[in-house]
Amino acid sequence: MLMPSFVAKILVAGPVGSGKSTFVRTLSDTPFVDTDVMASEEIGKLATTVGIDFGTRNVDDLRILLFGVPGQERFDFMWEVTCDGAQGLVLLVASDRPACFIEAKRTLKFLRDRIEVPVIIGLTRSDIGDSWDFEEVAAYLNVPPECIVTVDARDVDSCMDSLRMLFEYVTPKSNLLTPEESFSLV
């Protein structure tokens, strides 16, 4: 088995219920660090992320560090904490919930004001109801349409396809991958 030579820190962000924890859990090939607790307010689900979900995935000579951040705005200080050293962003949006696009736009602006990294917009729950087409999402979030992909956060292949898309978009535009021996979480 090939040992990773490079590390890439990827943020997984998005509104509540967009599939961030599921995405990280699905992709992680090491024990998943889960920070979900029972929700203290009505958010449309029983548990919510209150810290940073964490998992890793080795692909060839690359170790991908996946940092899933809370979706609630009251935890936006966690968004800022995880920005340092990030090399890419997967912004998940539940495409069957129009209000999620408003939250996603705010989250994207917050993160873009702090870090300048390639972004992939992953539309989750697109099999459930009506959703905007890629052109509409691109226009609303001010991203190129080729940065948008549908994602089933429960499916490894679907999640890996979104990461491949991110790295195809990242690699030609930057040389941001960090050698494994020089990477530090602090």
N, C-alpha and C. Protein backbone atom coordinates (compact mmCIF):
# COMPACT_ATOMS: atom_id res chain seq x y z
N MET A 1 0.83 -1.19 0.00
CA MET A 1 0.00 0.00 0.00
C MET A 1 0.88 1.26 0.00
N LEU A 2 0.56 2.19 -0.85
CA LEU A 2 1.30 3.43 -0.99
C LEU A 2 1.02 4.34 0.19
N MET A 3 2.06 4.83 0.85
CA MET A 3 1.89 5.76 1.97
C MET A 3 1.73 7.17 1.41
N PRO A 4 0.82 7.95 2.00
CA PRO A 4 0.61 9.31 1.51
C PRO A 4 1.85 10.17 1.61
N SER A 5 2.10 10.94 0.57
CA SER A 5 3.22 11.88 0.54
C SER A 5 2.72 13.31 0.73
N PHE A 6 1.45 13.54 0.43
CA PHE A 6 0.87 14.87 0.51
C PHE A 6 -0.41 14.85 1.34
N VAL A 7 -0.74 16.02 1.88
CA VAL A 7 -1.95 16.20 2.68
C VAL A 7 -2.76 17.33 2.07
N ALA A 8 -4.07 17.17 2.06
CA ALA A 8 -4.97 18.25 1.64
C ALA A 8 -6.05 18.40 2.70
N LYS A 9 -6.21 19.59 3.22
CA LYS A 9 -7.24 19.89 4.21
C LYS A 9 -8.46 20.43 3.47
N ILE A 10 -9.57 19.71 3.59
CA ILE A 10 -10.80 20.08 2.90
C ILE A 10 -11.89 20.39 3.93
N LEU A 11 -12.49 21.57 3.82
CA LEU A 11 -13.63 21.92 4.67
C LEU A 11 -14.90 21.40 4.01
N VAL A 12 -15.80 20.89 4.83
CA VAL A 12 -17.12 20.47 4.38
C VAL A 12 -18.11 21.32 5.17
N ALA A 13 -18.76 22.24 4.48
CA ALA A 13 -19.64 23.21 5.13
C ALA A 13 -21.00 23.20 4.45
N GLY A 14 -21.94 23.93 5.05
CA GLY A 14 -23.27 24.06 4.47
C GLY A 14 -24.31 24.21 5.55
N PRO A 15 -25.54 24.49 5.16
CA PRO A 15 -26.62 24.66 6.12
C PRO A 15 -26.94 23.39 6.89
N VAL A 16 -27.67 23.55 7.97
CA VAL A 16 -28.14 22.43 8.77
C VAL A 16 -28.90 21.44 7.89
N GLY A 17 -28.60 20.18 8.05
CA GLY A 17 -29.33 19.14 7.33
C GLY A 17 -28.91 18.93 5.89
N SER A 18 -27.78 19.50 5.49
CA SER A 18 -27.34 19.36 4.10
C SER A 18 -26.52 18.09 3.86
N GLY A 19 -26.12 17.40 4.92
CA GLY A 19 -25.41 16.13 4.77
C GLY A 19 -23.93 16.18 5.08
N LYS A 20 -23.47 17.21 5.78
CA LYS A 20 -22.05 17.38 6.06
C LYS A 20 -21.48 16.21 6.88
N SER A 21 -22.10 15.90 7.99
CA SER A 21 -21.61 14.80 8.84
C SER A 21 -21.66 13.48 8.09
N THR A 22 -22.73 13.27 7.36
CA THR A 22 -22.87 12.03 6.59
C THR A 22 -21.78 11.94 5.52
N PHE A 23 -21.48 13.03 4.85
CA PHE A 23 -20.45 13.09 3.83
C PHE A 23 -19.09 12.68 4.42
N VAL A 24 -18.73 13.31 5.54
CA VAL A 24 -17.44 13.01 6.17
C VAL A 24 -17.41 11.56 6.66
N ARG A 25 -18.47 11.13 7.29
CA ARG A 25 -18.56 9.75 7.80
C ARG A 25 -18.45 8.74 6.65
N THR A 26 -19.14 9.01 5.56
CA THR A 26 -19.13 8.11 4.41
C THR A 26 -17.74 7.98 3.81
N LEU A 27 -17.01 9.07 3.72
CA LEU A 27 -15.70 9.05 3.08
C LEU A 27 -14.57 8.57 3.97
N SER A 28 -14.71 8.73 5.27
CA SER A 28 -13.59 8.45 6.16
C SER A 28 -13.23 6.97 6.17
N ASP A 29 -11.94 6.69 5.93
CA ASP A 29 -11.48 5.32 6.03
C ASP A 29 -10.71 5.10 7.33
N THR A 30 -10.82 6.06 8.24
CA THR A 30 -10.32 5.93 9.61
C THR A 30 -11.50 6.19 10.53
N PRO A 31 -11.37 5.91 11.84
CA PRO A 31 -12.50 6.21 12.74
C PRO A 31 -12.93 7.67 12.62
N PHE A 32 -14.23 7.85 12.50
CA PHE A 32 -14.86 9.16 12.30
C PHE A 32 -15.04 9.85 13.65
N VAL A 33 -14.62 11.11 13.76
CA VAL A 33 -14.84 11.89 14.97
C VAL A 33 -16.14 12.66 14.77
N ASP A 34 -17.12 12.33 15.59
CA ASP A 34 -18.49 12.84 15.47
C ASP A 34 -18.77 13.78 16.64
N THR A 35 -19.29 14.96 16.37
CA THR A 35 -19.59 15.91 17.44
C THR A 35 -21.08 16.25 17.49
N ASP A 36 -21.92 15.32 17.08
CA ASP A 36 -23.37 15.54 17.12
C ASP A 36 -23.90 15.37 18.54
N VAL A 37 -24.83 16.26 18.90
CA VAL A 37 -25.55 16.17 20.17
C VAL A 37 -27.03 16.40 19.88
N MET A 38 -27.87 16.10 20.84
CA MET A 38 -29.30 16.35 20.68
C MET A 38 -29.52 17.85 20.48
N ALA A 39 -30.33 18.19 19.50
CA ALA A 39 -30.61 19.60 19.19
C ALA A 39 -31.38 20.24 20.33
N SER A 40 -31.00 21.47 20.68
CA SER A 40 -31.67 22.19 21.76
C SER A 40 -32.79 23.09 21.25
N GLU A 41 -32.95 23.13 19.95
CA GLU A 41 -34.02 23.92 19.33
C GLU A 41 -34.51 23.17 18.09
N GLU A 42 -35.62 23.60 17.54
CA GLU A 42 -36.19 22.94 16.37
C GLU A 42 -35.38 23.32 15.12
N ILE A 43 -34.69 22.32 14.57
CA ILE A 43 -33.88 22.56 13.37
C ILE A 43 -34.22 21.57 12.27
N GLY A 44 -35.26 20.76 12.49
CA GLY A 44 -35.68 19.82 11.47
C GLY A 44 -35.03 18.45 11.58
N LYS A 45 -34.25 18.24 12.63
CA LYS A 45 -33.66 16.93 12.89
C LYS A 45 -33.35 16.84 14.38
N LEU A 46 -33.12 15.61 14.86
CA LEU A 46 -32.95 15.40 16.29
C LEU A 46 -31.58 15.81 16.82
N ALA A 47 -30.53 15.58 16.04
CA ALA A 47 -29.17 15.88 16.49
C ALA A 47 -28.54 16.90 15.56
N THR A 48 -27.55 17.60 16.10
CA THR A 48 -26.84 18.61 15.31
C THR A 48 -25.36 18.60 15.67
N THR A 49 -24.53 19.00 14.73
CA THR A 49 -23.09 19.10 14.95
C THR A 49 -22.79 20.38 15.72
N VAL A 50 -22.03 20.24 16.81
CA VAL A 50 -21.68 21.41 17.63
C VAL A 50 -20.18 21.65 17.69
N GLY A 51 -19.42 20.83 17.05
CA GLY A 51 -17.97 20.98 16.98
C GLY A 51 -17.52 20.72 15.57
N ILE A 52 -16.41 20.05 15.44
CA ILE A 52 -15.88 19.74 14.12
C ILE A 52 -15.91 18.23 13.92
N ASP A 53 -16.62 17.78 12.91
CA ASP A 53 -16.55 16.37 12.52
C ASP A 53 -15.24 16.19 11.77
N PHE A 54 -14.61 15.03 11.95
CA PHE A 54 -13.31 14.84 11.31
C PHE A 54 -13.18 13.41 10.82
N GLY A 55 -12.64 13.29 9.62
CA GLY A 55 -12.32 11.99 9.05
C GLY A 55 -11.19 12.15 8.05
N THR A 56 -10.59 11.04 7.67
CA THR A 56 -9.52 11.09 6.68
C THR A 56 -9.79 10.07 5.58
N ARG A 57 -9.19 10.31 4.45
CA ARG A 57 -9.29 9.39 3.32
C ARG A 57 -7.96 9.39 2.59
N ASN A 58 -7.38 8.22 2.41
CA ASN A 58 -6.15 8.11 1.63
C ASN A 58 -6.50 7.73 0.21
N VAL A 59 -5.98 8.50 -0.73
CA VAL A 59 -6.17 8.23 -2.15
C VAL A 59 -4.79 8.35 -2.80
N ASP A 60 -4.27 7.21 -3.24
CA ASP A 60 -2.92 7.16 -3.83
C ASP A 60 -1.93 7.76 -2.84
N ASP A 61 -1.19 8.81 -3.26
CA ASP A 61 -0.20 9.39 -2.35
C ASP A 61 -0.72 10.64 -1.64
N LEU A 62 -2.04 10.76 -1.52
CA LEU A 62 -2.66 11.92 -0.89
C LEU A 62 -3.51 11.50 0.30
N ARG A 63 -3.27 12.14 1.45
CA ARG A 63 -4.14 11.97 2.62
C ARG A 63 -5.07 13.19 2.65
N ILE A 64 -6.36 12.93 2.56
CA ILE A 64 -7.36 14.01 2.57
C ILE A 64 -7.91 14.10 3.98
N LEU A 65 -7.78 15.28 4.58
CA LEU A 65 -8.32 15.55 5.90
C LEU A 65 -9.64 16.28 5.70
N LEU A 66 -10.72 15.67 6.18
CA LEU A 66 -12.06 16.21 6.00
C LEU A 66 -12.55 16.83 7.30
N PHE A 67 -12.81 18.12 7.27
CA PHE A 67 -13.30 18.85 8.44
C PHE A 67 -14.73 19.29 8.18
N GLY A 68 -15.69 18.64 8.83
CA GLY A 68 -17.09 19.03 8.71
C GLY A 68 -17.43 20.03 9.80
N VAL A 69 -17.91 21.19 9.39
CA VAL A 69 -18.21 22.25 10.37
C VAL A 69 -19.71 22.35 10.61
N PRO A 70 -20.10 22.87 11.77
CA PRO A 70 -21.54 23.00 12.08
C PRO A 70 -22.24 23.90 11.07
N GLY A 71 -23.52 23.64 10.86
CA GLY A 71 -24.30 24.42 9.91
C GLY A 71 -24.99 25.62 10.51
N GLN A 72 -25.15 25.65 11.83
CA GLN A 72 -25.86 26.75 12.46
C GLN A 72 -24.96 27.97 12.58
N GLU A 73 -25.53 29.12 12.27
CA GLU A 73 -24.75 30.36 12.28
C GLU A 73 -24.17 30.67 13.65
N ARG A 74 -24.81 30.23 14.71
CA ARG A 74 -24.28 30.51 16.05
C ARG A 74 -22.95 29.81 16.31
N PHE A 75 -22.60 28.86 15.45
CA PHE A 75 -21.30 28.18 15.56
C PHE A 75 -20.31 28.68 14.51
N ASP A 76 -20.54 29.87 13.95
CA ASP A 76 -19.67 30.35 12.88
C ASP A 76 -18.23 30.57 13.34
N PHE A 77 -18.01 30.70 14.64
CA PHE A 77 -16.63 30.80 15.12
C PHE A 77 -15.86 29.52 14.79
N MET A 78 -16.56 28.38 14.69
CA MET A 78 -15.93 27.12 14.30
C MET A 78 -15.54 27.16 12.82
N TRP A 79 -16.33 27.85 12.03
CA TRP A 79 -16.00 27.99 10.61
C TRP A 79 -14.65 28.69 10.48
N GLU A 80 -14.51 29.77 11.25
CA GLU A 80 -13.29 30.55 11.17
C GLU A 80 -12.08 29.75 11.66
N VAL A 81 -12.25 29.01 12.73
CA VAL A 81 -11.17 28.21 13.30
C VAL A 81 -10.64 27.20 12.28
N THR A 82 -11.53 26.60 11.53
CA THR A 82 -11.12 25.55 10.59
C THR A 82 -10.56 26.09 9.27
N CYS A 83 -10.71 27.37 9.02
CA CYS A 83 -10.23 27.95 7.76
C CYS A 83 -8.72 27.87 7.60
N ASP A 84 -7.99 28.00 8.69
CA ASP A 84 -6.53 28.05 8.61
C ASP A 84 -5.98 26.78 7.96
N GLY A 85 -5.27 26.96 6.89
CA GLY A 85 -4.63 25.85 6.19
C GLY A 85 -5.53 25.08 5.24
N ALA A 86 -6.78 25.50 5.10
CA ALA A 86 -7.69 24.81 4.18
C ALA A 86 -7.24 24.99 2.74
N GLN A 87 -7.41 23.94 1.95
CA GLN A 87 -7.01 23.98 0.55
C GLN A 87 -8.17 23.78 -0.41
N GLY A 88 -9.34 23.53 0.14
CA GLY A 88 -10.53 23.37 -0.69
C GLY A 88 -11.76 23.37 0.18
N LEU A 89 -12.90 23.63 -0.45
CA LEU A 89 -14.17 23.69 0.26
C LEU A 89 -15.22 22.93 -0.52
N VAL A 90 -15.90 22.03 0.16
CA VAL A 90 -17.09 21.38 -0.37
C VAL A 90 -18.25 22.00 0.38
N LEU A 91 -19.08 22.77 -0.31
CA LEU A 91 -20.25 23.39 0.29
C LEU A 91 -21.46 22.58 -0.12
N LEU A 92 -22.05 21.90 0.85
CA LEU A 92 -23.22 21.07 0.58
C LEU A 92 -24.49 21.88 0.80
N VAL A 93 -25.46 21.68 -0.07
CA VAL A 93 -26.75 22.37 0.02
C VAL A 93 -27.86 21.36 -0.27
N ALA A 94 -28.83 21.27 0.63
CA ALA A 94 -29.99 20.40 0.40
C ALA A 94 -30.85 21.06 -0.67
N SER A 95 -30.82 20.50 -1.87
CA SER A 95 -31.44 21.16 -3.02
C SER A 95 -32.96 21.18 -2.98
N ASP A 96 -33.56 20.40 -2.08
CA ASP A 96 -35.03 20.39 -1.98
C ASP A 96 -35.53 21.40 -0.95
N ARG A 97 -34.64 22.18 -0.37
CA ARG A 97 -35.01 23.16 0.66
C ARG A 97 -34.55 24.55 0.22
N PRO A 98 -35.43 25.34 -0.38
CA PRO A 98 -35.04 26.66 -0.90
C PRO A 98 -34.35 27.56 0.12
N ALA A 99 -34.78 27.50 1.39
CA ALA A 99 -34.15 28.34 2.42
C ALA A 99 -32.68 28.01 2.60
N CYS A 100 -32.29 26.78 2.28
CA CYS A 100 -30.88 26.38 2.41
C CYS A 100 -29.97 27.19 1.50
N PHE A 101 -30.49 27.63 0.36
CA PHE A 101 -29.66 28.41 -0.55
C PHE A 101 -29.31 29.77 0.04
N ILE A 102 -30.23 30.35 0.80
CA ILE A 102 -29.97 31.62 1.48
C ILE A 102 -28.86 31.43 2.50
N GLU A 103 -28.98 30.37 3.31
CA GLU A 103 -27.95 30.07 4.31
C GLU A 103 -26.62 29.73 3.63
N ALA A 104 -26.67 28.97 2.56
CA ALA A 104 -25.44 28.57 1.86
C ALA A 104 -24.72 29.80 1.30
N LYS A 105 -25.47 30.75 0.79
CA LYS A 105 -24.86 31.97 0.25
C LYS A 105 -24.14 32.74 1.36
N ARG A 106 -24.78 32.82 2.53
CA ARG A 106 -24.17 33.51 3.67
C ARG A 106 -22.91 32.77 4.14
N THR A 107 -22.99 31.44 4.21
CA THR A 107 -21.84 30.63 4.63
C THR A 107 -20.69 30.79 3.64
N LEU A 108 -21.00 30.72 2.37
CA LEU A 108 -19.98 30.85 1.33
C LEU A 108 -19.29 32.21 1.41
N LYS A 109 -20.07 33.27 1.59
CA LYS A 109 -19.49 34.62 1.72
C LYS A 109 -18.58 34.68 2.94
N PHE A 110 -19.05 34.17 4.07
CA PHE A 110 -18.26 34.18 5.30
C PHE A 110 -16.91 33.50 5.06
N LEU A 111 -16.94 32.32 4.46
CA LEU A 111 -15.71 31.56 4.25
C LEU A 111 -14.81 32.21 3.19
N ARG A 112 -15.41 32.71 2.12
CA ARG A 112 -14.61 33.37 1.07
C ARG A 112 -13.95 34.64 1.56
N ASP A 113 -14.56 35.30 2.55
CA ASP A 113 -13.95 36.49 3.13
C ASP A 113 -12.70 36.14 3.94
N ARG A 114 -12.55 34.88 4.31
CA ARG A 114 -11.44 34.45 5.14
C ARG A 114 -10.40 33.61 4.42
N ILE A 115 -10.84 32.84 3.44
CA ILE A 115 -9.91 31.98 2.71
C ILE A 115 -10.21 32.06 1.23
N GLU A 116 -9.17 31.93 0.45
CA GLU A 116 -9.31 31.93 -1.00
C GLU A 116 -8.92 30.55 -1.50
N VAL A 117 -9.93 29.67 -1.56
CA VAL A 117 -9.69 28.29 -1.98
C VAL A 117 -10.72 27.88 -3.02
N PRO A 118 -10.40 26.88 -3.80
CA PRO A 118 -11.38 26.36 -4.75
C PRO A 118 -12.61 25.79 -4.01
N VAL A 119 -13.77 25.94 -4.64
CA VAL A 119 -15.04 25.54 -4.03
C VAL A 119 -15.80 24.62 -4.98
N ILE A 120 -16.37 23.58 -4.42
CA ILE A 120 -17.33 22.74 -5.13
C ILE A 120 -18.65 22.84 -4.38
N ILE A 121 -19.72 23.06 -5.10
CA ILE A 121 -21.06 23.08 -4.51
C ILE A 121 -21.67 21.70 -4.74
N GLY A 122 -21.96 20.99 -3.66
CA GLY A 122 -22.57 19.68 -3.75
C GLY A 122 -24.05 19.76 -3.42
N LEU A 123 -24.89 19.48 -4.40
CA LEU A 123 -26.34 19.53 -4.18
C LEU A 123 -26.80 18.16 -3.69
N THR A 124 -27.24 18.12 -2.43
CA THR A 124 -27.74 16.89 -1.84
C THR A 124 -29.27 16.87 -1.92
N ARG A 125 -29.84 15.72 -1.68
CA ARG A 125 -31.29 15.53 -1.63
C ARG A 125 -31.97 15.91 -2.96
N SER A 126 -31.24 15.87 -4.04
CA SER A 126 -31.81 16.24 -5.34
C SER A 126 -32.79 15.20 -5.86
N ASP A 127 -32.78 14.03 -5.25
CA ASP A 127 -33.71 12.98 -5.66
C ASP A 127 -35.05 13.09 -4.93
N ILE A 128 -35.18 14.04 -4.00
CA ILE A 128 -36.37 14.12 -3.16
C ILE A 128 -37.43 15.06 -3.70
N GLY A 129 -37.03 16.18 -4.24
CA GLY A 129 -38.03 17.15 -4.69
C GLY A 129 -37.48 18.04 -5.77
N ASP A 130 -38.22 19.10 -6.03
CA ASP A 130 -37.79 20.07 -7.03
C ASP A 130 -36.49 20.72 -6.58
N SER A 131 -35.61 20.91 -7.52
CA SER A 131 -34.38 21.61 -7.19
C SER A 131 -34.00 22.52 -8.34
N TRP A 132 -33.21 23.52 -8.02
CA TRP A 132 -32.75 24.44 -9.04
C TRP A 132 -31.79 23.71 -9.97
N ASP A 133 -31.71 24.16 -11.22
CA ASP A 133 -30.71 23.57 -12.11
C ASP A 133 -29.36 24.23 -11.82
N PHE A 134 -28.31 23.65 -12.37
CA PHE A 134 -26.95 24.11 -12.08
C PHE A 134 -26.75 25.58 -12.43
N GLU A 135 -27.34 26.02 -13.53
CA GLU A 135 -27.18 27.42 -13.96
C GLU A 135 -27.76 28.37 -12.92
N GLU A 136 -28.95 28.02 -12.39
CA GLU A 136 -29.58 28.87 -11.37
C GLU A 136 -28.76 28.91 -10.09
N VAL A 137 -28.28 27.75 -9.66
CA VAL A 137 -27.45 27.67 -8.46
C VAL A 137 -26.18 28.48 -8.67
N ALA A 138 -25.54 28.32 -9.82
CA ALA A 138 -24.30 29.05 -10.12
C ALA A 138 -24.52 30.55 -10.07
N ALA A 139 -25.60 31.00 -10.68
CA ALA A 139 -25.90 32.44 -10.69
C ALA A 139 -26.16 32.95 -9.28
N TYR A 140 -26.94 32.21 -8.50
CA TYR A 140 -27.28 32.65 -7.15
C TYR A 140 -26.06 32.67 -6.23
N LEU A 141 -25.21 31.66 -6.31
CA LEU A 141 -24.05 31.57 -5.42
C LEU A 141 -22.79 32.22 -6.02
N ASN A 142 -22.89 32.71 -7.24
CA ASN A 142 -21.78 33.37 -7.92
C ASN A 142 -20.55 32.45 -8.04
N VAL A 143 -20.81 31.26 -8.58
CA VAL A 143 -19.74 30.29 -8.87
C VAL A 143 -19.94 29.79 -10.29
N PRO A 144 -18.88 29.28 -10.90
CA PRO A 144 -19.04 28.72 -12.24
C PRO A 144 -19.89 27.45 -12.20
N PRO A 145 -20.74 27.21 -13.20
CA PRO A 145 -21.57 26.00 -13.22
C PRO A 145 -20.77 24.71 -13.15
N GLU A 146 -19.54 24.71 -13.66
CA GLU A 146 -18.74 23.48 -13.63
C GLU A 146 -18.27 23.13 -12.21
N CYS A 147 -18.52 23.99 -11.24
CA CYS A 147 -18.17 23.72 -9.83
C CYS A 147 -19.33 23.11 -9.06
N ILE A 148 -20.40 22.76 -9.76
CA ILE A 148 -21.60 22.24 -9.09
C ILE A 148 -21.79 20.78 -9.47
N VAL A 149 -22.14 19.97 -8.48
CA VAL A 149 -22.32 18.54 -8.69
C VAL A 149 -23.44 18.05 -7.76
N THR A 150 -24.18 17.06 -8.19
CA THR A 150 -25.12 16.42 -7.27
C THR A 150 -24.34 15.39 -6.46
N VAL A 151 -24.70 15.27 -5.19
CA VAL A 151 -24.00 14.38 -4.28
C VAL A 151 -25.01 13.63 -3.42
N ASP A 152 -24.82 12.32 -3.33
CA ASP A 152 -25.54 11.52 -2.34
C ASP A 152 -24.54 11.29 -1.22
N ALA A 153 -24.69 12.00 -0.12
CA ALA A 153 -23.73 11.96 0.98
C ALA A 153 -23.64 10.59 1.63
N ARG A 154 -24.56 9.70 1.31
CA ARG A 154 -24.54 8.33 1.87
C ARG A 154 -23.77 7.36 1.00
N ASP A 155 -23.36 7.80 -0.19
CA ASP A 155 -22.75 6.92 -1.16
C ASP A 155 -21.27 7.28 -1.38
N VAL A 156 -20.38 6.33 -1.09
CA VAL A 156 -18.94 6.57 -1.22
C VAL A 156 -18.57 7.04 -2.62
N ASP A 157 -19.07 6.37 -3.64
CA ASP A 157 -18.71 6.74 -5.02
C ASP A 157 -19.15 8.16 -5.35
N SER A 158 -20.34 8.54 -4.92
CA SER A 158 -20.84 9.89 -5.18
C SER A 158 -19.97 10.93 -4.47
N CYS A 159 -19.63 10.66 -3.21
CA CYS A 159 -18.78 11.59 -2.46
C CYS A 159 -17.39 11.67 -3.09
N MET A 160 -16.84 10.52 -3.48
CA MET A 160 -15.52 10.52 -4.12
C MET A 160 -15.55 11.28 -5.44
N ASP A 161 -16.64 11.15 -6.19
CA ASP A 161 -16.76 11.90 -7.45
C ASP A 161 -16.68 13.40 -7.18
N SER A 162 -17.31 13.86 -6.10
CA SER A 162 -17.26 15.30 -5.79
C SER A 162 -15.84 15.71 -5.40
N LEU A 163 -15.13 14.86 -4.66
CA LEU A 163 -13.74 15.19 -4.32
C LEU A 163 -12.85 15.18 -5.56
N ARG A 164 -13.08 14.22 -6.44
CA ARG A 164 -12.31 14.20 -7.70
C ARG A 164 -12.52 15.50 -8.47
N MET A 165 -13.77 15.92 -8.51
CA MET A 165 -14.10 17.16 -9.20
C MET A 165 -13.38 18.34 -8.54
N LEU A 166 -13.37 18.36 -7.21
CA LEU A 166 -12.68 19.43 -6.49
C LEU A 166 -11.19 19.41 -6.85
N PHE A 167 -10.58 18.24 -6.84
CA PHE A 167 -9.15 18.17 -7.12
C PHE A 167 -8.83 18.43 -8.59
N GLU A 168 -9.71 18.09 -9.48
CA GLU A 168 -9.51 18.46 -10.89
C GLU A 168 -9.57 19.97 -11.05
N TYR A 169 -10.38 20.60 -10.24
CA TYR A 169 -10.52 22.05 -10.27
C TYR A 169 -9.36 22.71 -9.52
N VAL A 170 -8.92 22.09 -8.41
CA VAL A 170 -7.86 22.64 -7.58
C VAL A 170 -6.50 22.54 -8.26
N THR A 171 -6.12 21.36 -8.69
CA THR A 171 -4.76 21.10 -9.14
C THR A 171 -4.29 22.02 -10.26
N PRO A 172 -5.09 22.24 -11.31
CA PRO A 172 -4.58 23.13 -12.36
C PRO A 172 -4.43 24.58 -11.91
N LYS A 173 -5.16 24.99 -10.88
CA LYS A 173 -5.15 26.38 -10.47
C LYS A 173 -4.15 26.69 -9.37
N SER A 174 -3.62 25.66 -8.71
CA SER A 174 -2.72 25.93 -7.60
C SER A 174 -1.82 24.75 -7.33
N ASN A 175 -0.83 25.02 -6.54
CA ASN A 175 0.05 23.97 -6.06
C ASN A 175 -0.02 24.01 -4.54
N LEU A 176 -1.20 23.83 -4.00
CA LEU A 176 -1.44 24.02 -2.57
C LEU A 176 -1.28 22.76 -1.74
N LEU A 177 -1.07 21.61 -2.35
CA LEU A 177 -0.94 20.40 -1.56
C LEU A 177 0.31 20.50 -0.69
N THR A 178 0.18 20.05 0.54
CA THR A 178 1.24 20.15 1.52
C THR A 178 1.94 18.82 1.67
N PRO A 179 3.28 18.81 1.65
CA PRO A 179 3.98 17.53 1.91
C PRO A 179 3.60 17.00 3.29
N GLU A 180 3.35 15.71 3.39
CA GLU A 180 2.90 15.05 4.63
C GLU A 180 3.79 15.41 5.81
N GLU A 181 5.10 15.37 5.61
CA GLU A 181 6.01 15.58 6.75
C GLU A 181 6.02 17.00 7.26
N SER A 182 5.49 17.97 6.52
CA SER A 182 5.49 19.35 6.97
C SER A 182 4.12 19.84 7.40
N PHE A 183 3.12 18.95 7.41
CA PHE A 183 1.76 19.38 7.75
C PHE A 183 1.56 19.35 9.26
N SER A 184 0.86 20.34 9.77
CA SER A 184 0.53 20.40 11.19
C SER A 184 -0.90 20.89 11.34
N LEU A 185 -1.64 20.32 12.27
CA LEU A 185 -3.00 20.76 12.54
C LEU A 185 -3.01 22.06 13.35
N VAL A 186 -1.89 22.43 13.96
CA VAL A 186 -1.83 23.64 14.77
C VAL A 186 -0.92 24.67 14.17
